[in-house]
Amino acid sequence: MSKTTAGVTMLDQAVDAVYQLVVSVDVRRSGAYDDSGKTRMRGQLYAVLDRAFAEAGVPAPAVHREDRGDGILAALGPDIPPARILGVWANEVQEQLRRLNAGLRMPLGLRVGLHVGPVTRDAQGISGHAVDLACRLADADTARRVLDRDGADLVVVVSDSLYREVVCHGGRFVDPEDYGPALLRLKDGTTPAWVRLPGRPRPAPLPEDGGPAESDPGGPSDGPPDGPSGEPPRGPSGGPPRPAPGGAPSERPGDTSFHTRNTYNGPVHIGRTVNGGQHA
């Protein structure tokens, strides 16, 4: 016998869950806006997303939307193909941002997380693991850092299952080659995901969430871990890392030397010169 809450059994709640595409959208550095700026930002956010849904042929009744103050949470009806959101809609968001940001002193930047799974609705909104994961993908440190590193205004992060079940099969503006693998450190452990920058080439790899970025002079230089597809690490330029003499591969932007175990080999290193192989 299942337990009841307000006349509804837990079994009934489980049966009510419907597989839907969940879209979580967060605004970049929303805390940097003052109150009046935040009001303008929210108007811009909704204008961008509404126009993108319309251009993608997604009718308003097919979108369940909840306000998040500095973003939105949406769930798409089962009659909306996920590939349309991954392709046409994402491209339209990028196009709307490009037009909007051309006239803004503080460009609007968005992080989008997507996942498909069971979604339960009640009087307060939607819930479920699929909702949690989509929100965490959008909020992941990697998403924030890719925007900064690549100077982009839109990053799309999809779950590994969504990538394998939808992205890998392609579609209009859906190309698996546009996505780079990432390992995200979320609350419930490390999770594989895939990152795309609409309108830009496939993003170069980043270290696992929580590790230093490639341009961080204080971090390790062994390169990012293998992604979900088992790809080998790459250097910041997208090619293979340059080998450091006697040690792990290392390539540092702005650093013309190789280094291993704090021994530098080269004519110049940031903040110091080397004469005859000895530190000055």
C-alpha atoms as a PDB file:
ATOM      1  CA  MET A   1       0.000   0.000   0.000  1.00  0.00           C
ATOM      2  CA  SER A   2       1.545   3.280  -1.038  1.00  0.00           C
ATOM      3  CA  LYS A   3       1.506   6.277   1.281  1.00  0.00           C
ATOM      4  CA  THR A   4      -0.922   9.096   0.544  1.00  0.00           C
ATOM      5  CA  THR A   5      -0.443  12.850   0.716  1.00  0.00           C
ATOM      6  CA  ALA A   6      -3.525  15.090   0.386  1.00  0.00           C
ATOM      7  CA  GLY A   7      -5.381  12.227  -1.252  1.00  0.00           C
ATOM      8  CA  VAL A   8      -2.699  11.570  -3.915  1.00  0.00           C
ATOM      9  CA  THR A   9      -0.591   8.424  -3.684  1.00  0.00           C
ATOM     10  CA  MET A  10       3.150   8.395  -4.324  1.00  0.00           C
ATOM     11  CA  LEU A  11       2.451   5.895  -7.113  1.00  0.00           C
ATOM     12  CA  ASP A  12       0.088   8.396  -8.750  1.00  0.00           C
ATOM     13  CA  GLN A  13       2.805  11.065  -8.574  1.00  0.00           C
ATOM     14  CA  ALA A  14       5.318   8.753 -10.273  1.00  0.00           C
ATOM     15  CA  VAL A  15       2.837   7.861 -13.028  1.00  0.00           C
ATOM     16  CA  ASP A  16       2.186  11.568 -13.641  1.00  0.00           C
ATOM     17  CA  ALA A  17       5.832  12.162 -14.608  1.00  0.00           C
ATOM     18  CA  VAL A  18       6.207  12.841 -18.341  1.00  0.00           C
ATOM     19  CA  TYR A  19       9.408  12.772 -20.380  1.00  0.00           C
ATOM     20  CA  GLN A  20      10.158  16.334 -21.446  1.00  0.00           C
ATOM     21  CA  LEU A  21      13.055  18.447 -22.616  1.00  0.00           C
ATOM     22  CA  VAL A  22      14.083  20.709 -19.741  1.00  0.00           C
ATOM     23  CA  VAL A  23      15.808  24.009 -20.534  1.00  0.00           C
ATOM     24  CA  SER A  24      17.533  26.031 -17.817  1.00  0.00           C
ATOM     25  CA  VAL A  25      18.758  29.532 -18.733  1.00  0.00           C
ATOM     26  CA  ASP A  26      20.962  31.653 -16.455  1.00  0.00           C
ATOM     27  CA  VAL A  27      22.198  35.204 -17.064  1.00  0.00           C
ATOM     28  CA  ARG A  28      25.941  35.782 -16.863  1.00  0.00           C
ATOM     29  CA  ARG A  29      27.050  37.834 -13.839  1.00  0.00           C
ATOM     30  CA  SER A  30      23.521  38.810 -12.906  1.00  0.00           C
ATOM     31  CA  GLY A  31      24.792  40.175  -9.588  1.00  0.00           C
ATOM     32  CA  ALA A  32      26.650  42.930 -11.446  1.00  0.00           C
ATOM     33  CA  TYR A  33      23.341  44.608 -12.398  1.00  0.00           C
ATOM     34  CA  ASP A  34      21.820  47.224 -10.099  1.00  0.00           C
ATOM     35  CA  ASP A  35      18.066  47.164  -9.532  1.00  0.00           C
ATOM     36  CA  SER A  36      17.132  49.260 -12.558  1.00  0.00           C
ATOM     37  CA  GLY A  37      19.678  47.418 -14.695  1.00  0.00           C
ATOM     38  CA  LYS A  38      18.253  44.089 -13.600  1.00  0.00           C
ATOM     39  CA  THR A  39      14.777  45.163 -14.689  1.00  0.00           C
ATOM     40  CA  ARG A  40      16.117  46.048 -18.136  1.00  0.00           C
ATOM     41  CA  MET A  41      18.109  42.822 -18.286  1.00  0.00           C
ATOM     42  CA  ARG A  42      15.036  40.724 -17.531  1.00  0.00           C
ATOM     43  CA  GLY A  43      13.099  42.459 -20.301  1.00  0.00           C
ATOM     44  CA  GLN A  44      15.952  41.745 -22.713  1.00  0.00           C
ATOM     45  CA  LEU A  45      16.151  38.110 -21.597  1.00  0.00           C
ATOM     46  CA  TYR A  46      12.468  37.445 -22.199  1.00  0.00           C
ATOM     47  CA  ALA A  47      12.519  39.285 -25.540  1.00  0.00           C
ATOM     48  CA  VAL A  48      15.454  37.143 -26.741  1.00  0.00           C
ATOM     49  CA  LEU A  49      13.930  33.839 -25.631  1.00  0.00           C
ATOM     50  CA  ASP A  50      10.388  34.611 -26.820  1.00  0.00           C
ATOM     51  CA  ARG A  51      11.642  35.621 -30.262  1.00  0.00           C
ATOM     52  CA  ALA A  52      13.818  32.503 -30.469  1.00  0.00           C
ATOM     53  CA  PHE A  53      10.901  30.207 -29.588  1.00  0.00           C
ATOM     54  CA  ALA A  54       8.725  31.939 -32.168  1.00  0.00           C
ATOM     55  CA  GLU A  55      11.377  31.714 -34.896  1.00  0.00           C
ATOM     56  CA  ALA A  56      11.856  28.014 -34.077  1.00  0.00           C
ATOM     57  CA  GLY A  57       8.142  27.371 -34.550  1.00  0.00           C
ATOM     58  CA  VAL A  58       7.480  26.576 -30.891  1.00  0.00           C
ATOM     59  CA  PRO A  59       4.025  27.834 -29.870  1.00  0.00           C
ATOM     60  CA  ALA A  60       3.755  29.540 -26.497  1.00  0.00           C
ATOM     61  CA  PRO A  61       1.310  26.933 -25.051  1.00  0.00           C
ATOM     62  CA  ALA A  62       3.933  24.209 -25.660  1.00  0.00           C
ATOM     63  CA  VAL A  63       6.380  25.904 -23.265  1.00  0.00           C
ATOM     64  CA  HIS A  64       5.982  25.595 -19.507  1.00  0.00           C
ATOM     65  CA  ARG A  65       8.043  28.482 -18.141  1.00  0.00           C
ATOM     66  CA  GLU A  66       9.017  29.520 -14.635  1.00  0.00           C
ATOM     67  CA  ASP A  67      10.808  32.728 -13.718  1.00  0.00           C
ATOM     68  CA  ARG A  68      14.090  32.427 -11.809  1.00  0.00           C
ATOM     69  CA  GLY A  69      14.898  36.106 -11.286  1.00  0.00           C
ATOM     70  CA  ASP A  70      18.164  35.923 -13.199  1.00  0.00           C
ATOM     71  CA  GLY A  71      16.958  33.332 -15.700  1.00  0.00           C
ATOM     72  CA  ILE A  72      14.154  30.953 -16.582  1.00  0.00           C
ATOM     73  CA  LEU A  73      13.310  27.277 -16.271  1.00  0.00           C
ATOM     74  CA  ALA A  74      11.314  25.769 -19.117  1.00  0.00           C
ATOM     75  CA  ALA A  75       9.935  22.364 -20.078  1.00  0.00           C
ATOM     76  CA  LEU A  76       8.872  21.585 -23.626  1.00  0.00           C
ATOM     77  CA  GLY A  77       5.856  19.461 -24.514  1.00  0.00           C
ATOM     78  CA  PRO A  78       6.474  15.979 -25.970  1.00  0.00           C
ATOM     79  CA  ASP A  79       5.312  17.180 -29.401  1.00  0.00           C
ATOM     80  CA  ILE A  80       8.341  19.511 -29.697  1.00  0.00           C
ATOM     81  CA  PRO A  81      11.365  17.644 -31.138  1.00  0.00           C
ATOM     82  CA  PRO A  82      14.445  18.166 -28.910  1.00  0.00           C
ATOM     83  CA  ALA A  83      16.570  18.564 -32.071  1.00  0.00           C
ATOM     84  CA  ARG A  84      14.605  21.721 -32.938  1.00  0.00           C
ATOM     85  CA  ILE A  85      15.604  23.301 -29.628  1.00  0.00           C
ATOM     86  CA  LEU A  86      19.228  22.128 -29.885  1.00  0.00           C
ATOM     87  CA  GLY A  87      19.477  23.407 -33.452  1.00  0.00           C
ATOM     88  CA  VAL A  88      17.130  26.129 -34.671  1.00  0.00           C
ATOM     89  CA  TRP A  89      16.224  27.555 -31.257  1.00  0.00           C
ATOM     90  CA  ALA A  90      19.823  27.724 -29.984  1.00  0.00           C
ATOM     91  CA  ASN A  91      20.920  29.411 -33.212  1.00  0.00           C
ATOM     92  CA  GLU A  92      18.075  31.911 -32.929  1.00  0.00           C
ATOM     93  CA  VAL A  93      19.042  32.735 -29.342  1.00  0.00           C
ATOM     94  CA  GLN A  94      22.579  33.438 -30.567  1.00  0.00           C
ATOM     95  CA  GLU A  95      21.290  35.625 -33.413  1.00  0.00           C
ATOM     96  CA  GLN A  96      19.006  37.605 -31.084  1.00  0.00           C
ATOM     97  CA  LEU A  97      21.901  38.118 -28.648  1.00  0.00           C
ATOM     98  CA  ARG A  98      24.180  39.276 -31.455  1.00  0.00           C
ATOM     99  CA  ARG A  99      21.686  41.937 -32.508  1.00  0.00           C
ATOM    100  CA  LEU A 100      20.865  43.023 -28.968  1.00  0.00           C
ATOM    101  CA  ASN A 101      24.442  43.209 -27.689  1.00  0.00           C
ATOM    102  CA  ALA A 102      25.646  45.379 -30.553  1.00  0.00           C
ATOM    103  CA  GLY A 103      24.064  48.354 -28.767  1.00  0.00           C
ATOM    104  CA  LEU A 104      24.694  47.414 -25.122  1.00  0.00           C
ATOM    105  CA  ARG A 105      27.472  48.641 -22.861  1.00  0.00           C
ATOM    106  CA  MET A 106      27.050  45.472 -20.765  1.00  0.00           C
ATOM    107  CA  PRO A 107      26.341  42.597 -23.202  1.00  0.00           C
ATOM    108  CA  LEU A 108      23.773  40.034 -22.157  1.00  0.00           C
ATOM    109  CA  GLY A 109      25.358  36.609 -21.741  1.00  0.00           C
ATOM    110  CA  LEU A 110      23.454  33.349 -21.284  1.00  0.00           C
ATOM    111  CA  ARG A 111      24.282  29.866 -20.045  1.00  0.00           C
ATOM    112  CA  VAL A 112      21.829  27.169 -21.176  1.00  0.00           C
ATOM    113  CA  GLY A 113      21.587  23.659 -19.730  1.00  0.00           C
ATOM    114  CA  LEU A 114      19.486  20.946 -21.406  1.00  0.00           C
ATOM    115  CA  HIS A 115      18.439  17.447 -20.426  1.00  0.00           C
ATOM    116  CA  VAL A 116      15.552  15.089 -21.225  1.00  0.00           C
ATOM    117  CA  GLY A 117      13.891  13.035 -18.525  1.00  0.00           C
ATOM    118  CA  PRO A 118      10.783  12.476 -16.375  1.00  0.00           C
ATOM    119  CA  VAL A 119       9.237  15.743 -15.199  1.00  0.00           C
ATOM    120  CA  THR A 120       6.516  15.981 -12.555  1.00  0.00           C
ATOM    121  CA  ARG A 121       4.204  18.998 -12.335  1.00  0.00           C
ATOM    122  CA  ASP A 122       2.272  20.302  -9.355  1.00  0.00           C
ATOM    123  CA  ALA A 123       0.624  23.566  -8.437  1.00  0.00           C
ATOM    124  CA  GLN A 124       4.014  25.167  -7.722  1.00  0.00           C
ATOM    125  CA  GLY A 125       5.812  24.124 -10.911  1.00  0.00           C
ATOM    126  CA  ILE A 126       7.996  21.262 -12.153  1.00  0.00           C
ATOM    127  CA  SER A 127      10.411  18.951 -10.387  1.00  0.00           C
ATOM    128  CA  GLY A 128      12.439  15.814 -10.874  1.00  0.00           C
ATOM    129  CA  HIS A 129      16.003  14.687 -11.501  1.00  0.00           C
ATOM    130  CA  ALA A 130      15.816  15.961 -15.092  1.00  0.00           C
ATOM    131  CA  VAL A 131      15.038  19.448 -13.779  1.00  0.00           C
ATOM    132  CA  ASP A 132      17.858  19.302 -11.238  1.00  0.00           C
ATOM    133  CA  LEU A 133      20.403  18.192 -13.833  1.00  0.00           C
ATOM    134  CA  ALA A 134      19.439  20.818 -16.418  1.00  0.00           C
ATOM    135  CA  CYS A 135      19.804  23.554 -13.799  1.00  0.00           C
ATOM    136  CA  ARG A 136      23.174  22.249 -12.643  1.00  0.00           C
ATOM    137  CA  LEU A 137      24.480  22.049 -16.205  1.00  0.00           C
ATOM    138  CA  ALA A 138      23.651  25.724 -16.771  1.00  0.00           C
ATOM    139  CA  ASP A 139      25.220  26.672 -13.437  1.00  0.00           C
ATOM    140  CA  ALA A 140      28.373  24.574 -13.878  1.00  0.00           C
ATOM    141  CA  ASP A 141      31.723  26.293 -13.474  1.00  0.00           C
ATOM    142  CA  THR A 142      32.775  25.094 -16.921  1.00  0.00           C
ATOM    143  CA  ALA A 143      29.883  26.966 -18.556  1.00  0.00           C
ATOM    144  CA  ARG A 144      30.928  30.189 -16.837  1.00  0.00           C
ATOM    145  CA  ARG A 145      34.568  29.790 -17.741  1.00  0.00           C
ATOM    146  CA  VAL A 146      33.959  28.935 -21.399  1.00  0.00           C
ATOM    147  CA  LEU A 147      32.013  32.183 -21.830  1.00  0.00           C
ATOM    148  CA  ASP A 148      34.889  34.191 -20.338  1.00  0.00           C
ATOM    149  CA  ARG A 149      37.707  32.341 -22.064  1.00  0.00           C
ATOM    150  CA  ASP A 150      36.147  32.436 -25.541  1.00  0.00           C
ATOM    151  CA  GLY A 151      34.573  35.892 -25.251  1.00  0.00           C
ATOM    152  CA  ALA A 152      31.179  34.446 -26.154  1.00  0.00           C
ATOM    153  CA  ASP A 153      27.655  35.513 -25.163  1.00  0.00           C
ATOM    154  CA  LEU A 154      25.991  32.078 -25.291  1.00  0.00           C
ATOM    155  CA  VAL A 155      27.080  28.635 -24.125  1.00  0.00           C
ATOM    156  CA  VAL A 156      24.909  25.513 -24.405  1.00  0.00           C
ATOM    157  CA  VAL A 157      25.638  22.539 -22.139  1.00  0.00           C
ATOM    158  CA  VAL A 158      23.823  19.260 -22.812  1.00  0.00           C
ATOM    159  CA  SER A 159      23.762  16.079 -20.772  1.00  0.00           C
ATOM    160  CA  ASP A 160      25.677  13.049 -22.007  1.00  0.00           C
ATOM    161  CA  SER A 161      22.457  11.098 -22.597  1.00  0.00           C
ATOM    162  CA  LEU A 162      20.913  13.951 -24.626  1.00  0.00           C
ATOM    163  CA  TYR A 163      24.085  14.156 -26.701  1.00  0.00           C
ATOM    164  CA  ARG A 164      24.102  10.412 -27.420  1.00  0.00           C
ATOM    165  CA  GLU A 165      20.366  10.085 -28.066  1.00  0.00           C
ATOM    166  CA  VAL A 166      19.732  13.277 -30.049  1.00  0.00           C
ATOM    167  CA  VAL A 167      22.850  15.273 -30.962  1.00  0.00           C
ATOM    168  CA  CYS A 168      24.746  12.277 -32.353  1.00  0.00           C
ATOM    169  CA  HIS A 169      21.959  11.674 -34.865  1.00  0.00           C
ATOM    170  CA  GLY A 170      22.227  15.208 -36.237  1.00  0.00           C
ATOM    171  CA  GLY A 171      19.504  17.440 -37.604  1.00  0.00           C
ATOM    172  CA  ARG A 172      18.960  20.983 -38.789  1.00  0.00           C
ATOM    173  CA  PHE A 173      21.815  22.999 -37.255  1.00  0.00           C
ATOM    174  CA  VAL A 174      22.633  19.983 -35.048  1.00  0.00           C
ATOM    175  CA  ASP A 175      26.172  18.741 -35.630  1.00  0.00           C
ATOM    176  CA  PRO A 176      27.949  16.583 -33.027  1.00  0.00           C
ATOM    177  CA  GLU A 177      31.258  18.044 -34.216  1.00  0.00           C
ATOM    178  CA  ASP A 178      30.212  21.403 -32.748  1.00  0.00           C
ATOM    179  CA  TYR A 179      30.245  19.974 -29.211  1.00  0.00           C
ATOM    180  CA  GLY A 180      33.273  19.547 -26.984  1.00  0.00           C
ATOM    181  CA  PRO A 181      33.385  17.034 -24.103  1.00  0.00           C
ATOM    182  CA  ALA A 182      33.544  18.208 -20.504  1.00  0.00           C
ATOM    183  CA  LEU A 183      33.573  16.649 -17.043  1.00  0.00           C
ATOM    184  CA  LEU A 184      31.447  18.659 -14.642  1.00  0.00           C
ATOM    185  CA  ARG A 185      31.807  18.437 -10.892  1.00  0.00           C
ATOM    186  CA  LEU A 186      28.222  18.662  -9.649  1.00  0.00           C
ATOM    187  CA  LYS A 187      26.690  18.190  -6.222  1.00  0.00           C
ATOM    188  CA  ASP A 188      26.103  14.485  -6.783  1.00  0.00           C
ATOM    189  CA  GLY A 189      29.498  13.735  -8.350  1.00  0.00           C
ATOM    190  CA  THR A 190      31.396  14.153 -11.596  1.00  0.00           C
ATOM    191  CA  THR A 191      29.126  14.117 -14.649  1.00  0.00           C
ATOM    192  CA  PRO A 192      30.066  13.959 -18.347  1.00  0.00           C
ATOM    193  CA  ALA A 193      28.500  16.625 -20.539  1.00  0.00           C
ATOM    194  CA  TRP A 194      28.940  18.335 -23.905  1.00  0.00           C
ATOM    195  CA  VAL A 195      29.522  22.032 -24.557  1.00  0.00           C
ATOM    196  CA  ARG A 196      28.644  24.101 -27.631  1.00  0.00           C
ATOM    197  CA  LEU A 197      29.170  27.756 -28.504  1.00  0.00           C
ATOM    198  CA  PRO A 198      26.525  28.522 -31.173  1.00  0.00           C
ATOM    199  CA  GLY A 199      27.988  30.480 -34.062  1.00  0.00           C
ATOM    200  CA  ARG A 200      31.551  29.527 -33.094  1.00  0.00           C
ATOM    201  CA  PRO A 201      33.891  26.582 -33.656  1.00  0.00           C
ATOM    202  CA  ARG A 202      33.933  23.644 -31.264  1.00  0.00           C
ATOM    203  CA  PRO A 203      35.258  24.923 -27.916  1.00  0.00           C
ATOM    204  CA  ALA A 204      38.735  23.854 -26.889  1.00  0.00           C
ATOM    205  CA  PRO A 205      38.871  21.553 -23.850  1.00  0.00           C
ATOM    206  CA  LEU A 206      38.874  22.844 -20.301  1.00  0.00           C
ATOM    207  CA  PRO A 207      40.113  21.029 -17.191  1.00  0.00           C
ATOM    208  CA  GLU A 208      37.520  19.297 -15.046  1.00  0.00           C
ATOM    209  CA  ASP A 209      35.247  21.612 -13.072  1.00  0.00           C
ATOM    210  CA  GLY A 210      37.004  22.991 -10.025  1.00  0.00           C
ATOM    211  CA  GLY A 211      40.468  22.821 -11.599  1.00  0.00           C
ATOM    212  CA  PRO A 212      42.448  25.809 -12.858  1.00  0.00           C
ATOM    213  CA  ALA A 213      41.796  27.168 -16.325  1.00  0.00           C
ATOM    214  CA  GLU A 214      44.463  26.898 -18.989  1.00  0.00           C
ATOM    215  CA  SER A 215      45.386  30.549 -18.581  1.00  0.00           C
ATOM    216  CA  ASP A 216      45.721  30.249 -14.780  1.00  0.00           C
ATOM    217  CA  PRO A 217      49.464  30.672 -14.100  1.00  0.00           C
ATOM    218  CA  GLY A 218      49.173  28.924 -10.754  1.00  0.00           C
ATOM    219  CA  GLY A 219      47.690  25.653 -11.970  1.00  0.00           C
ATOM    220  CA  PRO A 220      49.051  22.360 -13.254  1.00  0.00           C
ATOM    221  CA  SER A 221      49.956  22.138 -16.914  1.00  0.00           C
ATOM    222  CA  ASP A 222      49.222  18.525 -17.697  1.00  0.00           C
ATOM    223  CA  GLY A 223      46.191  19.498 -19.787  1.00  0.00           C
ATOM    224  CA  PRO A 224      42.508  18.605 -19.343  1.00  0.00           C
ATOM    225  CA  PRO A 225      41.336  15.072 -18.608  1.00  0.00           C
ATOM    226  CA  ASP A 226      39.927  12.878 -21.339  1.00  0.00           C
ATOM    227  CA  GLY A 227      36.332  13.731 -22.209  1.00  0.00           C
ATOM    228  CA  PRO A 228      33.358  11.355 -22.349  1.00  0.00           C
ATOM    229  CA  SER A 229      34.414  10.267 -25.826  1.00  0.00           C
ATOM    230  CA  GLY A 230      37.900   9.305 -24.649  1.00  0.00           C
ATOM    231  CA  GLU A 231      39.563  12.098 -26.618  1.00  0.00           C
ATOM    232  CA  PRO A 232      43.187  12.806 -25.721  1.00  0.00           C
ATOM    233  CA  PRO A 233      44.064  16.074 -24.000  1.00  0.00           C
ATOM    234  CA  ARG A 234      44.864  19.025 -26.241  1.00  0.00           C
ATOM    235  CA  GLY A 235      46.838  22.213 -25.859  1.00  0.00           C
ATOM    236  CA  PRO A 236      45.163  25.646 -25.621  1.00  0.00           C
ATOM    237  CA  SER A 237      45.432  26.094 -29.397  1.00  0.00           C
ATOM    238  CA  GLY A 238      43.446  22.919 -30.038  1.00  0.00           C
ATOM    239  CA  GLY A 239      46.442  20.857 -31.141  1.00  0.00           C
ATOM    240  CA  PRO A 240      48.450  18.307 -29.172  1.00  0.00           C
ATOM    241  CA  PRO A 241      50.374  19.630 -26.157  1.00  0.00           C
ATOM    242  CA  ARG A 242      54.061  20.383 -26.646  1.00  0.00           C
ATOM    243  CA  PRO A 243      56.260  17.942 -24.716  1.00  0.00           C
ATOM    244  CA  ALA A 244      58.221  19.339 -21.819  1.00  0.00           C
ATOM    245  CA  PRO A 245      61.754  17.916 -21.578  1.00  0.00           C
ATOM    246  CA  GLY A 246      61.769  15.035 -19.152  1.00  0.00           C
ATOM    247  CA  GLY A 247      58.232  15.571 -17.908  1.00  0.00           C
ATOM    248  CA  ALA A 248      54.540  16.011 -18.662  1.00  0.00           C
ATOM    249  CA  PRO A 249      53.343  17.990 -21.700  1.00  0.00           C
ATOM    250  CA  SER A 250      53.032  21.695 -21.048  1.00  0.00           C
ATOM    251  CA  GLU A 251      51.899  24.712 -23.050  1.00  0.00           C
ATOM    252  CA  ARG A 252      51.318  28.029 -21.296  1.00  0.00           C
ATOM    253  CA  PRO A 253      49.864  31.088 -23.063  1.00  0.00           C
ATOM    254  CA  GLY A 254      52.363  33.935 -22.861  1.00  0.00           C
ATOM    255  CA  ASP A 255      55.128  31.677 -21.544  1.00  0.00           C
ATOM    256  CA  THR A 256      57.883  30.844 -24.033  1.00  0.00           C
ATOM    257  CA  SER A 257      59.650  28.314 -21.820  1.00  0.00           C
ATOM    258  CA  PHE A 258      59.031  24.673 -20.994  1.00  0.00           C
ATOM    259  CA  HIS A 259      59.030  23.714 -17.352  1.00  0.00           C
ATOM    260  CA  THR A 260      59.228  20.495 -15.361  1.00  0.00           C
ATOM    261  CA  ARG A 261      59.369  20.216 -11.571  1.00  0.00           C
ATOM    262  CA  ASN A 262      59.972  23.986 -11.313  1.00  0.00           C
ATOM    263  CA  THR A 263      63.014  23.834 -13.598  1.00  0.00           C
ATOM    264  CA  TYR A 264      62.643  26.173 -16.556  1.00  0.00           C
ATOM    265  CA  ASN A 265      64.281  25.524 -19.896  1.00  0.00           C
ATOM    266  CA  GLY A 266      64.191  28.404 -22.368  1.00  0.00           C
ATOM    267  CA  PRO A 267      65.407  31.944 -22.965  1.00  0.00           C
ATOM    268  CA  VAL A 268      62.541  33.810 -21.306  1.00  0.00           C
ATOM    269  CA  HIS A 269      59.983  33.116 -18.602  1.00  0.00           C
ATOM    270  CA  ILE A 270      57.355  35.480 -17.258  1.00  0.00           C
ATOM    271  CA  GLY A 271      58.943  37.760 -14.668  1.00  0.00           C
ATOM    272  CA  ARG A 272      62.495  36.465 -15.089  1.00  0.00           C
ATOM    273  CA  THR A 273      65.255  35.918 -17.617  1.00  0.00           C
ATOM    274  CA  VAL A 274      67.542  32.965 -17.998  1.00  0.00           C
ATOM    275  CA  ASN A 275      71.180  33.287 -18.907  1.00  0.00           C
ATOM    276  CA  GLY A 276      73.184  30.244 -19.855  1.00  0.00           C
ATOM    277  CA  GLY A 277      70.531  27.968 -18.432  1.00  0.00           C
ATOM    278  CA  GLN A 278      70.730  29.573 -14.942  1.00  0.00           C
ATOM    279  CA  HIS A 279      67.986  31.644 -13.321  1.00  0.00           C
ATOM    280  CA  ALA A 280      68.832  35.349 -13.172  1.00  0.00           C
END
